[in-house]
């Protein structure tokens, strides 16, 4: 996550054990202390810090707020919102959709067409997941998508999202 070339279509929320997160967090903090990186690199390192703190079980709301204030453009804001939303949806938190929807809206004009439709399809499928105010155990993207596919099949064709509805308006806005 260090450089400015990370795709907005990437998945940033692969679950980590607390031990893995703490080791990675100490590495990230060391990189931040050296201060030898570009502004985009520093922003991406801060995003990494949010990810590792999240999986270490620490409160990341203040870090999210700081990163949002530090974001220099729509790309960085989109990256933050998508990353934070992915962390929350990995634990099936209801508040994930606020961030994922905001991130997708910011990223839509920045994504290449295949990335745009990849993220759109992923979000629409993940909407099948049951979410709650509290957090469940973290799950990988593959596990989340598999669960969402099963739920969609069990619900039948009526559960398919209407892409023309209020949740999403395609590129003709």
N, C-alpha and C. Protein backbone atom coordinates (compact mmCIF):
# COMPACT_ATOMS: atom_id res chain seq x y z
N UNK A 1 0.81 -1.20 0.00
CA UNK A 1 0.00 0.00 0.00
C UNK A 1 0.85 1.26 0.00
N UNK A 2 2.11 1.18 -0.21
CA UNK A 2 2.95 2.35 -0.02
C UNK A 2 2.84 3.38 -1.13
N UNK A 3 2.93 2.98 -2.39
CA UNK A 3 2.94 3.93 -3.49
C UNK A 3 1.56 4.44 -3.83
N UNK A 4 1.49 5.29 -4.84
CA UNK A 4 0.22 5.86 -5.25
C UNK A 4 -0.48 5.01 -6.30
N UNK A 5 0.04 3.85 -6.65
CA UNK A 5 -0.49 3.07 -7.77
C UNK A 5 -1.42 1.95 -7.35
N UNK A 6 -1.90 1.93 -6.13
CA UNK A 6 -2.80 0.88 -5.67
C UNK A 6 -4.15 1.08 -6.35
N UNK A 7 -4.70 0.02 -6.89
CA UNK A 7 -5.98 0.10 -7.58
C UNK A 7 -7.12 0.33 -6.60
N UNK A 8 -8.03 1.18 -6.99
CA UNK A 8 -9.23 1.41 -6.17
C UNK A 8 -10.14 0.19 -6.18
N UNK A 9 -9.92 -0.73 -7.11
CA UNK A 9 -10.73 -1.94 -7.18
C UNK A 9 -10.18 -3.05 -6.28
N UNK A 10 -9.06 -2.81 -5.62
CA UNK A 10 -8.44 -3.82 -4.76
C UNK A 10 -9.30 -4.11 -3.53
N UNK A 11 -9.05 -5.28 -2.93
CA UNK A 11 -9.68 -5.65 -1.66
C UNK A 11 -8.62 -5.50 -0.59
N UNK A 12 -8.91 -4.69 0.43
CA UNK A 12 -7.93 -4.34 1.45
C UNK A 12 -8.19 -5.01 2.79
N UNK A 13 -9.24 -5.81 2.89
CA UNK A 13 -9.70 -6.28 4.19
C UNK A 13 -9.48 -7.77 4.44
N UNK A 14 -8.41 -8.33 3.93
CA UNK A 14 -8.13 -9.74 4.23
C UNK A 14 -7.90 -9.89 5.73
N UNK A 15 -8.65 -10.77 6.39
CA UNK A 15 -8.52 -10.91 7.85
C UNK A 15 -7.12 -11.33 8.28
N UNK A 16 -6.70 -10.82 9.40
CA UNK A 16 -5.42 -11.16 10.02
C UNK A 16 -5.67 -11.61 11.44
N UNK A 17 -4.77 -12.42 11.96
CA UNK A 17 -4.83 -12.73 13.39
C UNK A 17 -4.33 -11.50 14.15
N UNK A 18 -4.62 -11.45 15.42
CA UNK A 18 -4.15 -10.33 16.24
C UNK A 18 -2.63 -10.26 16.20
N UNK A 19 -1.97 -11.41 16.29
CA UNK A 19 -0.50 -11.43 16.26
C UNK A 19 0.04 -10.90 14.93
N UNK A 20 -0.53 -11.35 13.81
CA UNK A 20 -0.10 -10.85 12.50
C UNK A 20 -0.30 -9.34 12.40
N UNK A 21 -1.45 -8.88 12.86
CA UNK A 21 -1.76 -7.45 12.80
C UNK A 21 -0.78 -6.64 13.64
N UNK A 22 -0.45 -7.12 14.82
CA UNK A 22 0.46 -6.38 15.69
C UNK A 22 1.87 -6.32 15.12
N UNK A 23 2.33 -7.40 14.52
CA UNK A 23 3.65 -7.40 13.88
C UNK A 23 3.66 -6.39 12.73
N UNK A 24 2.65 -6.45 11.88
CA UNK A 24 2.55 -5.52 10.75
C UNK A 24 2.40 -4.08 11.22
N UNK A 25 1.68 -3.89 12.30
CA UNK A 25 1.49 -2.55 12.85
C UNK A 25 2.81 -1.95 13.33
N UNK A 26 3.64 -2.74 13.96
CA UNK A 26 4.93 -2.22 14.41
C UNK A 26 5.81 -1.87 13.20
N UNK A 27 5.72 -2.64 12.13
CA UNK A 27 6.48 -2.33 10.91
C UNK A 27 5.98 -1.01 10.28
N UNK A 28 4.69 -0.84 10.25
CA UNK A 28 4.11 0.39 9.69
C UNK A 28 4.52 1.60 10.53
N UNK A 29 4.46 1.46 11.82
CA UNK A 29 4.85 2.58 12.68
C UNK A 29 6.32 2.94 12.50
N UNK A 30 7.16 1.94 12.29
CA UNK A 30 8.57 2.20 12.03
C UNK A 30 8.74 2.99 10.73
N UNK A 31 8.00 2.62 9.71
CA UNK A 31 8.06 3.34 8.42
C UNK A 31 7.59 4.78 8.58
N UNK A 32 6.55 4.98 9.39
CA UNK A 32 6.05 6.34 9.61
C UNK A 32 7.08 7.18 10.37
N UNK A 33 7.79 6.56 11.29
CA UNK A 33 8.81 7.30 12.06
C UNK A 33 9.96 7.77 11.18
N UNK A 34 10.31 6.98 10.17
CA UNK A 34 11.42 7.38 9.30
C UNK A 34 11.06 8.60 8.47
N UNK A 35 9.77 8.73 8.10
CA UNK A 35 9.31 9.90 7.37
C UNK A 35 9.87 10.04 5.97
N UNK A 36 10.41 8.99 5.41
CA UNK A 36 10.99 9.05 4.06
C UNK A 36 10.05 8.45 3.04
N UNK A 37 8.98 9.14 2.74
CA UNK A 37 8.07 8.69 1.70
C UNK A 37 7.31 9.88 1.14
N UNK A 38 6.74 9.67 -0.02
CA UNK A 38 5.95 10.72 -0.67
C UNK A 38 4.67 10.94 0.12
N UNK A 39 3.98 12.06 -0.12
CA UNK A 39 2.69 12.26 0.55
C UNK A 39 1.70 11.13 0.25
N UNK A 40 1.66 10.67 -1.02
CA UNK A 40 0.77 9.56 -1.37
C UNK A 40 1.21 8.29 -0.63
N UNK A 41 2.49 8.08 -0.52
CA UNK A 41 3.01 6.93 0.20
C UNK A 41 2.65 6.99 1.68
N UNK A 42 2.76 8.18 2.27
CA UNK A 42 2.41 8.36 3.68
C UNK A 42 0.92 8.08 3.90
N UNK A 43 0.09 8.53 2.96
CA UNK A 43 -1.34 8.28 3.08
C UNK A 43 -1.62 6.78 3.03
N UNK A 44 -0.98 6.09 2.09
CA UNK A 44 -1.19 4.65 1.97
C UNK A 44 -0.67 3.89 3.19
N UNK A 45 0.41 4.36 3.76
CA UNK A 45 0.93 3.74 4.99
C UNK A 45 -0.06 3.95 6.13
N UNK A 46 -0.66 5.13 6.19
CA UNK A 46 -1.70 5.39 7.21
C UNK A 46 -2.90 4.47 7.02
N UNK A 47 -3.25 4.21 5.75
CA UNK A 47 -4.33 3.26 5.49
C UNK A 47 -3.95 1.87 6.01
N UNK A 48 -2.71 1.48 5.76
CA UNK A 48 -2.23 0.20 6.28
C UNK A 48 -2.32 0.16 7.80
N UNK A 49 -1.99 1.27 8.43
CA UNK A 49 -2.08 1.34 9.89
C UNK A 49 -3.52 1.11 10.35
N UNK A 50 -4.48 1.70 9.64
CA UNK A 50 -5.90 1.49 9.98
C UNK A 50 -6.24 0.01 9.86
N UNK A 51 -5.84 -0.61 8.77
CA UNK A 51 -6.13 -2.03 8.54
C UNK A 51 -5.55 -2.88 9.68
N UNK A 52 -4.29 -2.66 10.00
CA UNK A 52 -3.65 -3.48 11.03
C UNK A 52 -4.21 -3.21 12.42
N UNK A 53 -4.51 -1.96 12.73
CA UNK A 53 -5.13 -1.65 14.02
C UNK A 53 -6.51 -2.29 14.13
N UNK A 54 -7.26 -2.27 13.02
CA UNK A 54 -8.59 -2.88 13.00
C UNK A 54 -8.50 -4.35 13.36
N UNK A 55 -7.60 -5.08 12.67
CA UNK A 55 -7.49 -6.51 12.91
C UNK A 55 -6.83 -6.82 14.25
N UNK A 56 -6.13 -5.86 14.82
CA UNK A 56 -5.56 -6.04 16.16
C UNK A 56 -6.61 -5.77 17.25
N UNK A 57 -7.81 -5.38 16.83
CA UNK A 57 -8.90 -5.16 17.77
C UNK A 57 -8.90 -3.78 18.40
N UNK A 58 -8.20 -2.84 17.79
CA UNK A 58 -8.12 -1.49 18.33
C UNK A 58 -9.18 -0.59 17.68
N UNK A 59 -9.53 0.48 18.36
CA UNK A 59 -10.48 1.45 17.84
C UNK A 59 -9.83 2.24 16.70
N UNK A 60 -10.43 2.20 15.52
CA UNK A 60 -9.84 2.89 14.36
C UNK A 60 -10.64 4.11 13.92
N UNK A 61 -11.74 4.41 14.59
CA UNK A 61 -12.54 5.58 14.22
C UNK A 61 -11.72 6.87 14.21
N UNK A 62 -10.90 7.13 15.25
CA UNK A 62 -10.08 8.35 15.21
C UNK A 62 -9.08 8.37 14.04
N UNK A 63 -8.51 7.20 13.73
CA UNK A 63 -7.58 7.10 12.60
C UNK A 63 -8.30 7.38 11.28
N UNK A 64 -9.52 6.86 11.18
CA UNK A 64 -10.32 7.12 9.98
C UNK A 64 -10.55 8.63 9.83
N UNK A 65 -10.94 9.28 10.91
CA UNK A 65 -11.17 10.73 10.87
C UNK A 65 -9.92 11.51 10.50
N UNK A 66 -8.78 11.11 11.06
CA UNK A 66 -7.51 11.77 10.73
C UNK A 66 -7.15 11.58 9.26
N UNK A 67 -7.33 10.37 8.77
CA UNK A 67 -7.01 10.08 7.37
C UNK A 67 -7.94 10.86 6.44
N UNK A 68 -9.20 10.96 6.81
CA UNK A 68 -10.15 11.71 6.00
C UNK A 68 -9.73 13.17 5.92
N UNK A 69 -9.30 13.73 7.03
CA UNK A 69 -8.83 15.12 7.05
C UNK A 69 -7.53 15.29 6.26
N UNK A 70 -6.73 14.25 6.22
CA UNK A 70 -5.44 14.28 5.54
C UNK A 70 -5.55 14.03 4.03
N UNK A 71 -6.66 13.44 3.59
CA UNK A 71 -6.83 13.09 2.17
C UNK A 71 -6.74 14.34 1.31
N UNK A 72 -5.93 14.24 0.24
CA UNK A 72 -5.68 15.39 -0.62
C UNK A 72 -6.61 15.48 -1.82
N UNK A 73 -7.26 14.38 -2.19
CA UNK A 73 -8.09 14.40 -3.39
C UNK A 73 -9.14 13.29 -3.32
N UNK A 74 -9.98 13.23 -4.36
CA UNK A 74 -11.04 12.22 -4.40
C UNK A 74 -10.49 10.80 -4.42
N UNK A 75 -9.35 10.60 -5.04
CA UNK A 75 -8.76 9.26 -5.10
C UNK A 75 -8.42 8.77 -3.69
N UNK A 76 -7.79 9.62 -2.90
CA UNK A 76 -7.44 9.23 -1.54
C UNK A 76 -8.69 9.06 -0.68
N UNK A 77 -9.67 9.95 -0.84
CA UNK A 77 -10.92 9.80 -0.08
C UNK A 77 -11.63 8.51 -0.48
N UNK A 78 -11.66 8.21 -1.77
CA UNK A 78 -12.29 6.97 -2.24
C UNK A 78 -11.57 5.76 -1.66
N UNK A 79 -10.25 5.79 -1.69
CA UNK A 79 -9.45 4.68 -1.17
C UNK A 79 -9.76 4.47 0.32
N UNK A 80 -9.81 5.54 1.08
CA UNK A 80 -10.10 5.45 2.50
C UNK A 80 -11.50 4.87 2.73
N UNK A 81 -12.48 5.41 2.04
CA UNK A 81 -13.86 4.95 2.24
C UNK A 81 -14.01 3.48 1.84
N UNK A 82 -13.44 3.10 0.71
CA UNK A 82 -13.53 1.70 0.28
C UNK A 82 -12.81 0.78 1.25
N UNK A 83 -11.62 1.17 1.67
CA UNK A 83 -10.84 0.36 2.61
C UNK A 83 -11.60 0.20 3.94
N UNK A 84 -12.07 1.31 4.49
CA UNK A 84 -12.77 1.27 5.77
C UNK A 84 -14.07 0.47 5.65
N UNK A 85 -14.80 0.69 4.56
CA UNK A 85 -16.04 -0.06 4.34
C UNK A 85 -15.78 -1.55 4.20
N UNK A 86 -14.69 -1.91 3.52
CA UNK A 86 -14.35 -3.33 3.37
C UNK A 86 -14.03 -3.97 4.71
N UNK A 87 -13.31 -3.25 5.55
CA UNK A 87 -13.02 -3.78 6.88
C UNK A 87 -14.33 -4.06 7.63
N UNK A 88 -15.25 -3.13 7.54
CA UNK A 88 -16.52 -3.28 8.25
C UNK A 88 -17.38 -4.39 7.66
N UNK A 89 -17.42 -4.50 6.33
CA UNK A 89 -18.24 -5.56 5.72
C UNK A 89 -17.61 -6.93 5.96
N UNK A 90 -16.29 -6.98 6.11
CA UNK A 90 -15.64 -8.26 6.43
C UNK A 90 -16.12 -8.81 7.76
N UNK A 91 -16.62 -7.91 8.61
CA UNK A 91 -17.19 -8.32 9.91
C UNK A 91 -18.70 -8.13 9.93
N UNK A 92 -19.28 -7.88 8.76
CA UNK A 92 -20.73 -7.75 8.58
C UNK A 92 -21.35 -6.67 9.45
N UNK A 93 -20.67 -5.56 9.54
CA UNK A 93 -21.18 -4.41 10.29
C UNK A 93 -22.09 -3.58 9.39
N UNK A 94 -23.23 -3.21 9.91
CA UNK A 94 -24.21 -2.44 9.15
C UNK A 94 -23.63 -1.14 8.60
N UNK A 95 -22.76 -0.48 9.33
CA UNK A 95 -22.22 0.81 8.90
C UNK A 95 -21.29 0.70 7.70
N UNK A 96 -20.97 -0.51 7.27
CA UNK A 96 -20.08 -0.70 6.12
C UNK A 96 -20.63 -0.02 4.88
N UNK A 97 -21.93 -0.09 4.67
CA UNK A 97 -22.50 0.41 3.42
C UNK A 97 -22.42 1.92 3.29
N UNK A 98 -22.43 2.62 4.38
CA UNK A 98 -22.21 4.07 4.32
C UNK A 98 -20.87 4.36 3.66
N UNK A 99 -19.84 3.67 4.07
CA UNK A 99 -18.48 3.89 3.55
C UNK A 99 -18.30 3.29 2.15
N UNK A 100 -18.81 2.09 1.93
CA UNK A 100 -18.67 1.47 0.61
C UNK A 100 -19.39 2.28 -0.47
N UNK A 101 -20.60 2.74 -0.16
CA UNK A 101 -21.34 3.54 -1.14
C UNK A 101 -20.65 4.87 -1.40
N UNK A 102 -20.19 5.51 -0.34
CA UNK A 102 -19.48 6.78 -0.49
C UNK A 102 -18.19 6.57 -1.29
N UNK A 103 -17.45 5.52 -0.98
CA UNK A 103 -16.21 5.23 -1.70
C UNK A 103 -16.45 4.93 -3.16
N UNK A 104 -17.49 4.16 -3.47
CA UNK A 104 -17.78 3.85 -4.86
C UNK A 104 -18.18 5.11 -5.62
N UNK A 105 -18.97 5.96 -5.01
CA UNK A 105 -19.36 7.21 -5.67
C UNK A 105 -18.13 8.07 -5.98
N UNK A 106 -17.19 8.13 -5.05
CA UNK A 106 -15.97 8.91 -5.27
C UNK A 106 -15.06 8.25 -6.32
N UNK A 107 -15.05 6.93 -6.35
CA UNK A 107 -14.13 6.20 -7.23
C UNK A 107 -14.67 6.00 -8.64
N UNK A 108 -15.97 6.08 -8.82
CA UNK A 108 -16.59 5.69 -10.09
C UNK A 108 -15.91 6.31 -11.31
N UNK A 109 -15.63 7.59 -11.26
CA UNK A 109 -15.02 8.25 -12.43
C UNK A 109 -13.51 8.01 -12.53
N UNK A 110 -12.93 7.42 -11.51
CA UNK A 110 -11.48 7.16 -11.49
C UNK A 110 -11.14 5.73 -11.91
N UNK A 111 -12.11 4.86 -11.92
CA UNK A 111 -11.89 3.46 -12.23
C UNK A 111 -11.90 3.22 -13.74
N UNK A 112 -11.06 2.28 -14.16
CA UNK A 112 -11.12 1.80 -15.54
C UNK A 112 -12.43 1.03 -15.68
N UNK A 113 -12.98 0.93 -16.90
CA UNK A 113 -14.28 0.26 -17.06
C UNK A 113 -14.36 -1.13 -16.44
N UNK A 114 -13.35 -1.97 -16.64
CA UNK A 114 -13.42 -3.32 -16.07
C UNK A 114 -13.35 -3.29 -14.54
N UNK A 115 -12.60 -2.34 -13.99
CA UNK A 115 -12.55 -2.19 -12.53
C UNK A 115 -13.89 -1.70 -12.00
N UNK A 116 -14.46 -0.74 -12.69
CA UNK A 116 -15.77 -0.19 -12.31
C UNK A 116 -16.80 -1.31 -12.17
N UNK A 117 -16.91 -2.13 -13.22
CA UNK A 117 -17.92 -3.18 -13.19
C UNK A 117 -17.56 -4.29 -12.21
N UNK A 118 -16.29 -4.52 -11.97
CA UNK A 118 -15.86 -5.50 -10.97
C UNK A 118 -16.30 -5.05 -9.58
N UNK A 119 -16.05 -3.80 -9.25
CA UNK A 119 -16.44 -3.28 -7.93
C UNK A 119 -17.96 -3.23 -7.82
N UNK A 120 -18.63 -2.78 -8.88
CA UNK A 120 -20.09 -2.72 -8.88
C UNK A 120 -20.68 -4.10 -8.62
N UNK A 121 -20.20 -5.10 -9.35
CA UNK A 121 -20.70 -6.47 -9.19
C UNK A 121 -20.41 -6.99 -7.78
N UNK A 122 -19.21 -6.73 -7.27
CA UNK A 122 -18.84 -7.18 -5.93
C UNK A 122 -19.76 -6.55 -4.88
N UNK A 123 -19.99 -5.24 -4.98
CA UNK A 123 -20.85 -4.57 -4.01
C UNK A 123 -22.28 -5.08 -4.07
N UNK A 124 -22.79 -5.25 -5.28
CA UNK A 124 -24.17 -5.73 -5.40
C UNK A 124 -24.33 -7.13 -4.83
N UNK A 125 -23.33 -7.97 -5.01
CA UNK A 125 -23.40 -9.32 -4.44
C UNK A 125 -23.26 -9.26 -2.91
N UNK A 126 -22.34 -8.44 -2.42
CA UNK A 126 -22.15 -8.33 -0.97
C UNK A 126 -23.39 -7.76 -0.26
N UNK A 127 -24.24 -7.05 -0.99
CA UNK A 127 -25.48 -6.53 -0.39
C UNK A 127 -26.42 -7.64 0.07
N UNK A 128 -26.19 -8.84 -0.40
CA UNK A 128 -27.01 -9.99 0.01
C UNK A 128 -26.72 -10.39 1.47
N UNK A 129 -25.55 -10.02 1.96
CA UNK A 129 -25.13 -10.45 3.29
C UNK A 129 -25.97 -9.80 4.39
N UNK A 130 -26.30 -10.58 5.41
CA UNK A 130 -26.95 -9.98 6.58
C UNK A 130 -25.93 -9.15 7.35
N UNK A 131 -26.30 -7.95 7.70
CA UNK A 131 -25.41 -7.09 8.49
C UNK A 131 -26.11 -6.74 9.80
N UNK A 132 -25.31 -6.35 10.77
CA UNK A 132 -25.84 -6.03 12.10
C UNK A 132 -25.06 -4.86 12.67
N UNK A 133 -25.61 -4.23 13.71
CA UNK A 133 -24.88 -3.12 14.33
C UNK A 133 -23.54 -3.55 14.92
N UNK A 134 -23.47 -4.75 15.47
CA UNK A 134 -22.23 -5.26 16.05
C UNK A 134 -21.40 -6.00 15.01
N UNK A 135 -20.24 -6.42 15.42
CA UNK A 135 -19.33 -7.09 14.49
C UNK A 135 -19.33 -8.60 14.72
N UNK A 136 -19.22 -9.34 13.62
CA UNK A 136 -19.04 -10.78 13.70
C UNK A 136 -17.57 -11.09 13.45
N UNK A 137 -17.23 -12.36 13.41
CA UNK A 137 -15.87 -12.77 13.10
C UNK A 137 -15.52 -12.33 11.69
N UNK A 138 -14.30 -11.88 11.47
CA UNK A 138 -13.87 -11.43 10.14
C UNK A 138 -13.84 -12.57 9.14
N UNK A 139 -14.18 -12.26 7.90
CA UNK A 139 -14.18 -13.28 6.83
C UNK A 139 -13.44 -12.73 5.62
N UNK A 140 -12.88 -13.65 4.85
CA UNK A 140 -12.18 -13.27 3.62
C UNK A 140 -13.20 -12.86 2.56
N UNK A 141 -12.73 -12.18 1.54
CA UNK A 141 -13.61 -11.78 0.44
C UNK A 141 -14.24 -13.02 -0.19
N UNK A 142 -13.45 -14.05 -0.42
CA UNK A 142 -13.98 -15.27 -1.04
C UNK A 142 -15.12 -15.86 -0.19
N UNK A 143 -14.93 -15.92 1.12
CA UNK A 143 -15.96 -16.46 2.00
C UNK A 143 -17.21 -15.58 1.98
N UNK A 144 -17.02 -14.27 1.99
CA UNK A 144 -18.16 -13.35 1.94
C UNK A 144 -18.95 -13.50 0.64
N UNK A 145 -18.23 -13.58 -0.47
CA UNK A 145 -18.90 -13.72 -1.77
C UNK A 145 -19.60 -15.07 -1.89
N UNK A 146 -18.98 -16.12 -1.38
CA UNK A 146 -19.64 -17.43 -1.40
C UNK A 146 -20.92 -17.41 -0.59
N UNK A 147 -20.87 -16.84 0.59
CA UNK A 147 -22.06 -16.74 1.43
C UNK A 147 -23.14 -15.91 0.73
N UNK A 148 -22.74 -14.80 0.12
CA UNK A 148 -23.70 -13.95 -0.57
C UNK A 148 -24.34 -14.68 -1.76
N UNK A 149 -23.57 -15.48 -2.48
CA UNK A 149 -24.12 -16.26 -3.61
C UNK A 149 -25.15 -17.27 -3.12
N UNK A 150 -24.84 -17.94 -2.02
CA UNK A 150 -25.77 -18.92 -1.47
C UNK A 150 -27.06 -18.23 -1.05
N UNK A 151 -26.95 -17.11 -0.38
CA UNK A 151 -28.13 -16.36 0.06
C UNK A 151 -28.95 -15.92 -1.15
N UNK A 152 -28.27 -15.43 -2.18
CA UNK A 152 -28.98 -14.98 -3.39
C UNK A 152 -29.72 -16.15 -4.04
N UNK A 153 -29.07 -17.32 -4.10
CA UNK A 153 -29.74 -18.49 -4.70
C UNK A 153 -30.95 -18.91 -3.88
N UNK A 154 -30.81 -18.89 -2.56
CA UNK A 154 -31.93 -19.28 -1.70
C UNK A 154 -33.09 -18.30 -1.80
N UNK A 155 -32.78 -17.05 -1.98
CA UNK A 155 -33.84 -16.03 -2.11
C UNK A 155 -34.49 -16.06 -3.47
N UNK A 156 -33.80 -16.56 -4.46
CA UNK A 156 -34.35 -16.64 -5.81
C UNK A 156 -34.21 -15.36 -6.59
N UNK A 157 -34.81 -15.31 -7.79
CA UNK A 157 -34.64 -14.15 -8.68
C UNK A 157 -35.16 -12.84 -8.09
N UNK A 158 -36.10 -12.91 -7.19
CA UNK A 158 -36.65 -11.68 -6.60
C UNK A 158 -35.59 -10.92 -5.79
N UNK A 159 -34.53 -11.63 -5.36
CA UNK A 159 -33.51 -10.98 -4.54
C UNK A 159 -32.46 -10.26 -5.36
N UNK A 160 -32.48 -10.44 -6.67
CA UNK A 160 -31.48 -9.79 -7.50
C UNK A 160 -31.70 -8.29 -7.44
N UNK A 161 -30.62 -7.55 -7.21
CA UNK A 161 -30.76 -6.11 -7.10
C UNK A 161 -31.11 -5.48 -8.44
N UNK A 162 -31.96 -4.46 -8.39
CA UNK A 162 -32.29 -3.69 -9.58
C UNK A 162 -31.27 -2.58 -9.71
N UNK A 163 -30.37 -2.69 -10.68
CA UNK A 163 -29.29 -1.72 -10.83
C UNK A 163 -29.80 -0.34 -11.20
N UNK A 164 -31.05 -0.25 -11.62
CA UNK A 164 -31.59 1.06 -11.95
C UNK A 164 -32.25 1.71 -10.75
N UNK A 165 -32.31 0.99 -9.66
CA UNK A 165 -32.99 1.47 -8.46
C UNK A 165 -32.20 2.51 -7.71
N UNK A 166 -32.64 2.83 -6.50
CA UNK A 166 -32.02 3.92 -5.73
C UNK A 166 -30.60 3.64 -5.28
N UNK A 167 -30.19 2.37 -5.20
CA UNK A 167 -28.85 2.06 -4.70
C UNK A 167 -27.76 2.45 -5.69
N UNK A 168 -28.06 2.29 -6.98
CA UNK A 168 -27.02 2.55 -7.96
C UNK A 168 -27.63 3.10 -9.23
N UNK A 169 -26.98 4.11 -9.73
CA UNK A 169 -27.35 4.64 -11.04
C UNK A 169 -26.09 4.54 -11.89
N UNK A 170 -26.24 3.86 -13.00
CA UNK A 170 -25.08 3.56 -13.83
C UNK A 170 -24.44 4.83 -14.38
N UNK A 171 -23.58 4.69 -15.33
CA UNK A 171 -22.72 5.78 -15.80
C UNK A 171 -23.48 6.94 -16.44
N UNK A 172 -24.77 6.80 -16.65
CA UNK A 172 -25.52 7.89 -17.26
C UNK A 172 -26.17 8.71 -16.16
N UNK A 173 -25.37 9.49 -15.47
CA UNK A 173 -25.87 10.35 -14.38
C UNK A 173 -25.87 11.79 -14.83
